[in-house]
Amino acid sequence: MQNDSIETLLLRHYGSAAPAPVDLEDQLCAMVRRESAAIQAREQRVSVWNQRRVSRRRVLQLVTFSGAGLSVLAMGLNTLQGGQRRAYSV
């Protein structure tokens, strides 16, 4: 679809004799305001998250627990693969 204006799309769909929708401009303005407020709120949350300080203790906890979790997962996968090899070799 081309980048047609709203007026062009309405004329193409309804014809030139059709009445304009009731409160179209007010509805469009309200929608733009809501979207603008949502974008500003999202940008504010991202800004707050980016400015948040993280303690060294918290970073160490995240690294330790994620590393421990990955090693447990790797050991579990090795165990499963070892079990499959034994089942096929029997």
PDB file of N, CA and C in Angstrom:
ATOM      1  N   MET A   1       0.844  -1.166   0.000  1.00  0.00           N
ATOM      2  CA  MET A   1       0.000   0.000   0.000  1.00  0.00           C
ATOM      3  C   MET A   1       0.897   1.238   0.000  1.00  0.00           C
ATOM      4  N   GLN A   2       0.447   2.231  -0.700  1.00  0.00           N
ATOM      5  CA  GLN A   2       1.196   3.482  -0.768  1.00  0.00           C
ATOM      6  C   GLN A   2       0.999   4.275   0.509  1.00  0.00           C
ATOM      7  N   ASN A   3       1.770   5.321   0.655  1.00  0.00           N
ATOM      8  CA  ASN A   3       1.642   6.205   1.826  1.00  0.00           C
ATOM      9  C   ASN A   3       0.571   7.257   1.548  1.00  0.00           C
ATOM     10  N   ASP A   4      -0.664   6.814   1.499  1.00  0.00           N
ATOM     11  CA  ASP A   4      -1.780   7.724   1.242  1.00  0.00           C
ATOM     12  C   ASP A   4      -2.204   8.401   2.535  1.00  0.00           C
ATOM     13  N   SER A   5      -2.754   9.578   2.419  1.00  0.00           N
ATOM     14  CA  SER A   5      -3.252  10.290   3.596  1.00  0.00           C
ATOM     15  C   SER A   5      -4.560   9.656   4.048  1.00  0.00           C
ATOM     16  N   ILE A   6      -4.981  10.007   5.235  1.00  0.00           N
ATOM     17  CA  ILE A   6      -6.235   9.467   5.767  1.00  0.00           C
ATOM     18  C   ILE A   6      -7.403   9.905   4.900  1.00  0.00           C
ATOM     19  N   GLU A   7      -7.351  11.148   4.449  1.00  0.00           N
ATOM     20  CA  GLU A   7      -8.435  11.650   3.608  1.00  0.00           C
ATOM     21  C   GLU A   7      -8.546  10.838   2.313  1.00  0.00           C
ATOM     22  N   THR A   8      -7.406  10.526   1.700  1.00  0.00           N
ATOM     23  CA  THR A   8      -7.412   9.755   0.452  1.00  0.00           C
ATOM     24  C   THR A   8      -7.981   8.364   0.692  1.00  0.00           C
ATOM     25  N   LEU A   9      -7.586   7.729   1.781  1.00  0.00           N
ATOM     26  CA  LEU A   9      -8.096   6.391   2.075  1.00  0.00           C
ATOM     27  C   LEU A   9      -9.597   6.413   2.346  1.00  0.00           C
ATOM     28  N   LEU A  10     -10.071   7.427   3.088  1.00  0.00           N
ATOM     29  CA  LEU A  10     -11.506   7.521   3.365  1.00  0.00           C
ATOM     30  C   LEU A  10     -12.292   7.779   2.082  1.00  0.00           C
ATOM     31  N   LEU A  11     -11.761   8.655   1.223  1.00  0.00           N
ATOM     32  CA  LEU A  11     -12.445   8.921  -0.046  1.00  0.00           C
ATOM     33  C   LEU A  11     -12.493   7.668  -0.918  1.00  0.00           C
ATOM     34  N   ARG A  12     -11.406   6.927  -0.958  1.00  0.00           N
ATOM     35  CA  ARG A  12     -11.369   5.714  -1.776  1.00  0.00           C
ATOM     36  C   ARG A  12     -12.362   4.682  -1.246  1.00  0.00           C
ATOM     37  N   HIS A  13     -12.482   4.584   0.070  1.00  0.00           N
ATOM     38  CA  HIS A  13     -13.336   3.560   0.663  1.00  0.00           C
ATOM     39  C   HIS A  13     -14.812   3.966   0.660  1.00  0.00           C
ATOM     40  N   TYR A  14     -15.105   5.215   1.050  1.00  0.00           N
ATOM     41  CA  TYR A  14     -16.493   5.638   1.222  1.00  0.00           C
ATOM     42  C   TYR A  14     -17.019   6.498   0.076  1.00  0.00           C
ATOM     43  N   GLY A  15     -16.151   7.063  -0.722  1.00  0.00           N
ATOM     44  CA  GLY A  15     -16.603   7.951  -1.787  1.00  0.00           C
ATOM     45  C   GLY A  15     -16.694   9.385  -1.285  1.00  0.00           C
ATOM     46  N   SER A  16     -16.924  10.299  -2.208  1.00  0.00           N
ATOM     47  CA  SER A  16     -16.911  11.716  -1.842  1.00  0.00           C
ATOM     48  C   SER A  16     -18.179  12.162  -1.129  1.00  0.00           C
ATOM     49  N   ALA A  17     -19.261  11.407  -1.228  1.00  0.00           N
ATOM     50  CA  ALA A  17     -20.525  11.804  -0.623  1.00  0.00           C
ATOM     51  C   ALA A  17     -20.672  11.314   0.818  1.00  0.00           C
ATOM     52  N   ALA A  18     -19.751  10.515   1.287  1.00  0.00           N
ATOM     53  CA  ALA A  18     -19.876   9.942   2.633  1.00  0.00           C
ATOM     54  C   ALA A  18     -19.561  10.998   3.688  1.00  0.00           C
ATOM     55  N   PRO A  19     -20.273  10.967   4.787  1.00  0.00           N
ATOM     56  CA  PRO A  19     -19.974  11.916   5.864  1.00  0.00           C
ATOM     57  C   PRO A  19     -18.697  11.522   6.598  1.00  0.00           C
ATOM     58  N   ALA A  20     -18.063  12.505   7.176  1.00  0.00           N
ATOM     59  CA  ALA A  20     -16.852  12.234   7.965  1.00  0.00           C
ATOM     60  C   ALA A  20     -17.246  11.517   9.248  1.00  0.00           C
ATOM     61  N   PRO A  21     -16.433  10.592   9.713  1.00  0.00           N
ATOM     62  CA  PRO A  21     -16.744   9.912  10.975  1.00  0.00           C
ATOM     63  C   PRO A  21     -16.856  10.906  12.126  1.00  0.00           C
ATOM     64  N   VAL A  22     -17.717  10.594  13.068  1.00  0.00           N
ATOM     65  CA  VAL A  22     -17.960  11.471  14.199  1.00  0.00           C
ATOM     66  C   VAL A  22     -16.714  11.529  15.084  1.00  0.00           C
ATOM     67  N   ASP A  23     -16.292  12.723  15.437  1.00  0.00           N
ATOM     68  CA  ASP A  23     -15.164  12.960  16.343  1.00  0.00           C
ATOM     69  C   ASP A  23     -13.878  12.254  15.896  1.00  0.00           C
ATOM     70  N   LEU A  24     -13.640  12.173  14.597  1.00  0.00           N
ATOM     71  CA  LEU A  24     -12.449  11.509  14.087  1.00  0.00           C
ATOM     72  C   LEU A  24     -11.183  12.197  14.573  1.00  0.00           C
ATOM     73  N   GLU A  25     -11.169  13.516  14.473  1.00  0.00           N
ATOM     74  CA  GLU A  25      -9.972  14.254  14.880  1.00  0.00           C
ATOM     75  C   GLU A  25      -9.710  14.103  16.378  1.00  0.00           C
ATOM     76  N   ASP A  26     -10.759  14.158  17.185  1.00  0.00           N
ATOM     77  CA  ASP A  26     -10.586  13.999  18.638  1.00  0.00           C
ATOM     78  C   ASP A  26     -10.068  12.600  18.980  1.00  0.00           C
ATOM     79  N   GLN A  27     -10.587  11.585  18.296  1.00  0.00           N
ATOM     80  CA  GLN A  27     -10.138  10.219  18.548  1.00  0.00           C
ATOM     81  C   GLN A  27      -8.677  10.038  18.154  1.00  0.00           C
ATOM     82  N   LEU A  28      -8.292  10.619  17.013  1.00  0.00           N
ATOM     83  CA  LEU A  28      -6.898  10.518  16.582  1.00  0.00           C
ATOM     84  C   LEU A  28      -5.954  11.242  17.537  1.00  0.00           C
ATOM     85  N   CYS A  29      -6.364  12.418  17.994  1.00  0.00           N
ATOM     86  CA  CYS A  29      -5.537  13.173  18.946  1.00  0.00           C
ATOM     87  C   CYS A  29      -5.381  12.419  20.258  1.00  0.00           C
ATOM     88  N   ALA A  30      -6.465  11.825  20.735  1.00  0.00           N
ATOM     89  CA  ALA A  30      -6.396  11.060  21.983  1.00  0.00           C
ATOM     90  C   ALA A  30      -5.485   9.845  21.822  1.00  0.00           C
ATOM     91  N   MET A  31      -5.546   9.184  20.670  1.00  0.00           N
ATOM     92  CA  MET A  31      -4.701   8.025  20.438  1.00  0.00           C
ATOM     93  C   MET A  31      -3.228   8.429  20.387  1.00  0.00           C
ATOM     94  N   VAL A  32      -2.942   9.546  19.740  1.00  0.00           N
ATOM     95  CA  VAL A  32      -1.560  10.028  19.666  1.00  0.00           C
ATOM     96  C   VAL A  32      -1.056  10.386  21.054  1.00  0.00           C
ATOM     97  N   ARG A  33      -1.894  11.016  21.875  1.00  0.00           N
ATOM     98  CA  ARG A  33      -1.486  11.358  23.252  1.00  0.00           C
ATOM     99  C   ARG A  33      -1.203  10.106  24.072  1.00  0.00           C
ATOM    100  N   ARG A  34      -2.048   9.077  23.946  1.00  0.00           N
ATOM    101  CA  ARG A  34      -1.834   7.831  24.685  1.00  0.00           C
ATOM    102  C   ARG A  34      -0.539   7.152  24.256  1.00  0.00           C
ATOM    103  N   GLU A  35      -0.298   7.096  22.970  1.00  0.00           N
ATOM    104  CA  GLU A  35       0.932   6.469  22.482  1.00  0.00           C
ATOM    105  C   GLU A  35       2.155   7.256  22.928  1.00  0.00           C
ATOM    106  N   SER A  36       2.050   8.577  22.910  1.00  0.00           N
ATOM    107  CA  SER A  36       3.167   9.416  23.351  1.00  0.00           C
ATOM    108  C   SER A  36       3.458   9.183  24.833  1.00  0.00           C
ATOM    109  N   ALA A  37       2.408   9.104  25.648  1.00  0.00           N
ATOM    110  CA  ALA A  37       2.591   8.856  27.078  1.00  0.00           C
ATOM    111  C   ALA A  37       3.206   7.476  27.313  1.00  0.00           C
ATOM    112  N   ALA A  38       2.780   6.479  26.539  1.00  0.00           N
ATOM    113  CA  ALA A  38       3.339   5.136  26.692  1.00  0.00           C
ATOM    114  C   ALA A  38       4.814   5.111  26.304  1.00  0.00           C
ATOM    115  N   ILE A  39       5.173   5.808  25.248  1.00  0.00           N
ATOM    116  CA  ILE A  39       6.575   5.859  24.821  1.00  0.00           C
ATOM    117  C   ILE A  39       7.417   6.567  25.866  1.00  0.00           C
ATOM    118  N   GLN A  40       6.909   7.671  26.411  1.00  0.00           N
ATOM    119  CA  GLN A  40       7.652   8.397  27.453  1.00  0.00           C
ATOM    120  C   GLN A  40       7.833   7.537  28.699  1.00  0.00           C
ATOM    121  N   ALA A  41       6.804   6.802  29.090  1.00  0.00           N
ATOM    122  CA  ALA A  41       6.908   5.928  30.265  1.00  0.00           C
ATOM    123  C   ALA A  41       7.935   4.835  30.032  1.00  0.00           C
ATOM    124  N   ARG A  42       7.940   4.259  28.840  1.00  0.00           N
ATOM    125  CA  ARG A  42       8.903   3.216  28.503  1.00  0.00           C
ATOM    126  C   ARG A  42      10.324   3.770  28.516  1.00  0.00           C
ATOM    127  N   GLU A  43      10.512   4.944  27.937  1.00  0.00           N
ATOM    128  CA  GLU A  43      11.835   5.564  27.927  1.00  0.00           C
ATOM    129  C   GLU A  43      12.305   5.894  29.343  1.00  0.00           C
ATOM    130  N   GLN A  44      11.373   6.315  30.199  1.00  0.00           N
ATOM    131  CA  GLN A  44      11.732   6.624  31.583  1.00  0.00           C
ATOM    132  C   GLN A  44      12.151   5.355  32.327  1.00  0.00           C
ATOM    133  N   ARG A  45      11.438   4.242  32.107  1.00  0.00           N
ATOM    134  CA  ARG A  45      11.820   2.985  32.759  1.00  0.00           C
ATOM    135  C   ARG A  45      13.195   2.524  32.296  1.00  0.00           C
ATOM    136  N   VAL A  46      13.471   2.659  31.007  1.00  0.00           N
ATOM    137  CA  VAL A  46      14.776   2.268  30.483  1.00  0.00           C
ATOM    138  C   VAL A  46      15.861   3.158  31.076  1.00  0.00           C
ATOM    139  N   SER A  47      15.591   4.448  31.182  1.00  0.00           N
ATOM    140  CA  SER A  47      16.565   5.382  31.741  1.00  0.00           C
ATOM    141  C   SER A  47      16.866   5.059  33.204  1.00  0.00           C
ATOM    142  N   VAL A  48      15.820   4.774  33.972  1.00  0.00           N
ATOM    143  CA  VAL A  48      16.009   4.432  35.380  1.00  0.00           C
ATOM    144  C   VAL A  48      16.813   3.144  35.498  1.00  0.00           C
ATOM    145  N   TRP A  49      16.499   2.160  34.661  1.00  0.00           N
ATOM    146  CA  TRP A  49      17.222   0.887  34.709  1.00  0.00           C
ATOM    147  C   TRP A  49      18.691   1.085  34.354  1.00  0.00           C
ATOM    148  N   ASN A  50      18.960   1.923  33.352  1.00  0.00           N
ATOM    149  CA  ASN A  50      20.346   2.158  32.938  1.00  0.00           C
ATOM    150  C   ASN A  50      21.134   2.946  33.988  1.00  0.00           C
ATOM    151  N   GLN A  51      20.470   3.769  34.787  1.00  0.00           N
ATOM    152  CA  GLN A  51      21.160   4.573  35.782  1.00  0.00           C
ATOM    153  C   GLN A  51      21.283   3.864  37.128  1.00  0.00           C
ATOM    154  N   ARG A  52      20.624   2.725  37.283  1.00  0.00           N
ATOM    155  CA  ARG A  52      20.635   2.003  38.555  1.00  0.00           C
ATOM    156  C   ARG A  52      22.030   1.459  38.832  1.00  0.00           C
ATOM    157  N   ARG A  53      22.478   1.687  40.014  1.00  0.00           N
ATOM    158  CA  ARG A  53      23.777   1.167  40.409  1.00  0.00           C
ATOM    159  C   ARG A  53      23.627  -0.259  40.896  1.00  0.00           C
ATOM    160  N   VAL A  54      24.591  -1.064  40.552  1.00  0.00           N
ATOM    161  CA  VAL A  54      24.584  -2.458  40.966  1.00  0.00           C
ATOM    162  C   VAL A  54      25.826  -2.679  41.825  1.00  0.00           C
ATOM    163  N   SER A  55      25.620  -3.258  42.989  1.00  0.00           N
ATOM    164  CA  SER A  55      26.742  -3.473  43.893  1.00  0.00           C
ATOM    165  C   SER A  55      27.630  -4.608  43.391  1.00  0.00           C
ATOM    166  N   ARG A  56      28.860  -4.597  43.833  1.00  0.00           N
ATOM    167  CA  ARG A  56      29.783  -5.669  43.454  1.00  0.00           C
ATOM    168  C   ARG A  56      29.304  -7.009  43.985  1.00  0.00           C
ATOM    169  N   ARG A  57      28.691  -6.974  45.167  1.00  0.00           N
ATOM    170  CA  ARG A  57      28.172  -8.212  45.760  1.00  0.00           C
ATOM    171  C   ARG A  57      27.085  -8.824  44.872  1.00  0.00           C
ATOM    172  N   ARG A  58      26.198  -7.977  44.373  1.00  0.00           N
ATOM    173  CA  ARG A  58      25.114  -8.475  43.515  1.00  0.00           C
ATOM    174  C   ARG A  58      25.673  -9.029  42.199  1.00  0.00           C
ATOM    175  N   VAL A  59      26.656  -8.352  41.620  1.00  0.00           N
ATOM    176  CA  VAL A  59      27.276  -8.848  40.387  1.00  0.00           C
ATOM    177  C   VAL A  59      27.930 -10.197  40.649  1.00  0.00           C
ATOM    178  N   LEU A  60      28.630 -10.325  41.783  1.00  0.00           N
ATOM    179  CA  LEU A  60      29.285 -11.585  42.121  1.00  0.00           C
ATOM    180  C   LEU A  60      28.246 -12.693  42.305  1.00  0.00           C
ATOM    181  N   GLN A  61      27.122 -12.375  42.956  1.00  0.00           N
ATOM    182  CA  GLN A  61      26.062 -13.366  43.119  1.00  0.00           C
ATOM    183  C   GLN A  61      25.514 -13.814  41.772  1.00  0.00           C
ATOM    184  N   LEU A  62      25.255 -12.865  40.877  1.00  0.00           N
ATOM    185  CA  LEU A  62      24.721 -13.217  39.563  1.00  0.00           C
ATOM    186  C   LEU A  62      25.691 -14.090  38.790  1.00  0.00           C
ATOM    187  N   VAL A  63      26.976 -13.726  38.816  1.00  0.00           N
ATOM    188  CA  VAL A  63      27.974 -14.495  38.080  1.00  0.00           C
ATOM    189  C   VAL A  63      28.125 -15.880  38.689  1.00  0.00           C
ATOM    190  N   THR A  64      28.177 -15.956  40.009  1.00  0.00           N
ATOM    191  CA  THR A  64      28.359 -17.239  40.685  1.00  0.00           C
ATOM    192  C   THR A  64      27.177 -18.165  40.434  1.00  0.00           C
ATOM    193  N   PHE A  65      25.959 -17.651  40.650  1.00  0.00           N
ATOM    194  CA  PHE A  65      24.795 -18.510  40.495  1.00  0.00           C
ATOM    195  C   PHE A  65      24.546 -18.878  39.046  1.00  0.00           C
ATOM    196  N   SER A  66      24.795 -17.963  38.123  1.00  0.00           N
ATOM    197  CA  SER A  66      24.585 -18.321  36.718  1.00  0.00           C
ATOM    198  C   SER A  66      25.644 -19.323  36.278  1.00  0.00           C
ATOM    199  N   GLY A  67      26.888 -19.160  36.752  1.00  0.00           N
ATOM    200  CA  GLY A  67      27.937 -20.135  36.422  1.00  0.00           C
ATOM    201  C   GLY A  67      27.646 -21.485  37.027  1.00  0.00           C
ATOM    202  N   ALA A  68      27.173 -21.490  38.271  1.00  0.00           N
ATOM    203  CA  ALA A  68      26.836 -22.754  38.931  1.00  0.00           C
ATOM    204  C   ALA A  68      25.660 -23.415  38.216  1.00  0.00           C
ATOM    205  N   GLY A  69      24.692 -22.624  37.821  1.00  0.00           N
ATOM    206  CA  GLY A  69      23.543 -23.170  37.105  1.00  0.00           C
ATOM    207  C   GLY A  69      23.944 -23.778  35.777  1.00  0.00           C
ATOM    208  N   LEU A  70      24.856 -23.111  35.081  1.00  0.00           N
ATOM    209  CA  LEU A  70      25.310 -23.644  33.802  1.00  0.00           C
ATOM    210  C   LEU A  70      26.101 -24.932  33.979  1.00  0.00           C
ATOM    211  N   SER A  71      26.919 -24.991  35.026  1.00  0.00           N
ATOM    212  CA  SER A  71      27.691 -26.216  35.240  1.00  0.00           C
ATOM    213  C   SER A  71      26.771 -27.372  35.621  1.00  0.00           C
ATOM    214  N   VAL A  72      25.754 -27.132  36.423  1.00  0.00           N
ATOM    215  CA  VAL A  72      24.789 -28.183  36.776  1.00  0.00           C
ATOM    216  C   VAL A  72      24.051 -28.644  35.527  1.00  0.00           C
ATOM    217  N   LEU A  73      23.678 -27.705  34.683  1.00  0.00           N
ATOM    218  CA  LEU A  73      22.999 -28.052  33.438  1.00  0.00           C
ATOM    219  C   LEU A  73      23.910 -28.892  32.548  1.00  0.00           C
ATOM    220  N   ALA A  74      25.177 -28.500  32.445  1.00  0.00           N
ATOM    221  CA  ALA A  74      26.128 -29.258  31.621  1.00  0.00           C
ATOM    222  C   ALA A  74      26.307 -30.667  32.168  1.00  0.00           C
ATOM    223  N   MET A  75      26.421 -30.795  33.502  1.00  0.00           N
ATOM    224  CA  MET A  75      26.567 -32.127  34.094  1.00  0.00           C
ATOM    225  C   MET A  75      25.332 -32.970  33.831  1.00  0.00           C
ATOM    226  N   GLY A  76      24.160 -32.362  33.916  1.00  0.00           N
ATOM    227  CA  GLY A  76      22.926 -33.090  33.639  1.00  0.00           C
ATOM    228  C   GLY A  76      22.859 -33.568  32.204  1.00  0.00           C
ATOM    229  N   LEU A  77      23.262 -32.702  31.274  1.00  0.00           N
ATOM    230  CA  LEU A  77      23.268 -33.105  29.869  1.00  0.00           C
ATOM    231  C   LEU A  77      24.261 -34.224  29.619  1.00  0.00           C
ATOM    232  N   ASN A  78      25.444 -34.143  30.256  1.00  0.00           N
ATOM    233  CA  ASN A  78      26.431 -35.213  30.103  1.00  0.00           C
ATOM    234  C   ASN A  78      25.884 -36.533  30.638  1.00  0.00           C
ATOM    235  N   THR A  79      25.180 -36.466  31.758  1.00  0.00           N
ATOM    236  CA  THR A  79      24.596 -37.672  32.337  1.00  0.00           C
ATOM    237  C   THR A  79      23.553 -38.263  31.400  1.00  0.00           C
ATOM    238  N   LEU A  80      22.714 -37.412  30.827  1.00  0.00           N
ATOM    239  CA  LEU A  80      21.695 -37.904  29.899  1.00  0.00           C
ATOM    240  C   LEU A  80      22.331 -38.514  28.656  1.00  0.00           C
ATOM    241  N   GLN A  81      23.348 -37.862  28.139  1.00  0.00           N
ATOM    242  CA  GLN A  81      24.007 -38.403  26.953  1.00  0.00           C
ATOM    243  C   GLN A  81      24.717 -39.709  27.267  1.00  0.00           C
ATOM    244  N   GLY A  82      25.307 -39.820  28.438  1.00  0.00           N
ATOM    245  CA  GLY A  82      25.945 -41.071  28.846  1.00  0.00           C
ATOM    246  C   GLY A  82      24.931 -42.185  28.978  1.00  0.00           C
ATOM    247  N   GLY A  83      23.755 -41.894  29.510  1.00  0.00           N
ATOM    248  CA  GLY A  83      22.690 -42.872  29.643  1.00  0.00           C
ATOM    249  C   GLY A  83      22.173 -43.336  28.306  1.00  0.00           C
ATOM    250  N   GLN A  84      22.120 -42.450  27.338  1.00  0.00           N
ATOM    251  CA  GLN A  84      21.666 -42.821  26.008  1.00  0.00           C
ATOM    252  C   GLN A  84      22.680 -43.721  25.318  1.00  0.00           C
ATOM    253  N   ARG A  85      23.963 -43.460  25.526  1.00  0.00           N
ATOM    254  CA  ARG A  85      24.990 -44.277  24.899  1.00  0.00           C
ATOM    255  C   ARG A  85      24.916 -45.704  25.442  1.00  0.00           C
ATOM    256  N   ARG A  86      24.698 -45.838  26.747  1.00  0.00           N
ATOM    257  CA  ARG A  86      24.626 -47.172  27.344  1.00  0.00           C
ATOM    258  C   ARG A  86      23.398 -47.917  26.817  1.00  0.00           C
ATOM    259  N   ALA A  87      22.287 -47.198  26.645  1.00  0.00           N
ATOM    260  CA  ALA A  87      21.070 -47.852  26.175  1.00  0.00           C
ATOM    261  C   ALA A  87      21.250 -48.363  24.756  1.00  0.00           C
ATOM    262  N   TYR A  88      21.970 -47.615  23.932  1.00  0.00           N
ATOM    263  CA  TYR A  88      22.180 -48.055  22.556  1.00  0.00           C
ATOM    264  C   TYR A  88      23.190 -49.181  22.462  1.00  0.00           C
ATOM    265  N   SER A  89      24.156 -49.213  23.382  1.00  0.00           N
ATOM    266  CA  SER A  89      25.218 -50.224  23.291  1.00  0.00           C
ATOM    267  C   SER A  89      24.760 -51.588  23.813  1.00  0.00           C
ATOM    268  N   VAL A  90      23.667 -51.641  24.556  1.00  0.00           N
ATOM    269  CA  VAL A  90      23.208 -52.915  25.119  1.00  0.00           C
ATOM    270  C   VAL A  90      22.542 -53.767  24.094  1.00  0.00           C
TER     271      VAL A  90
END
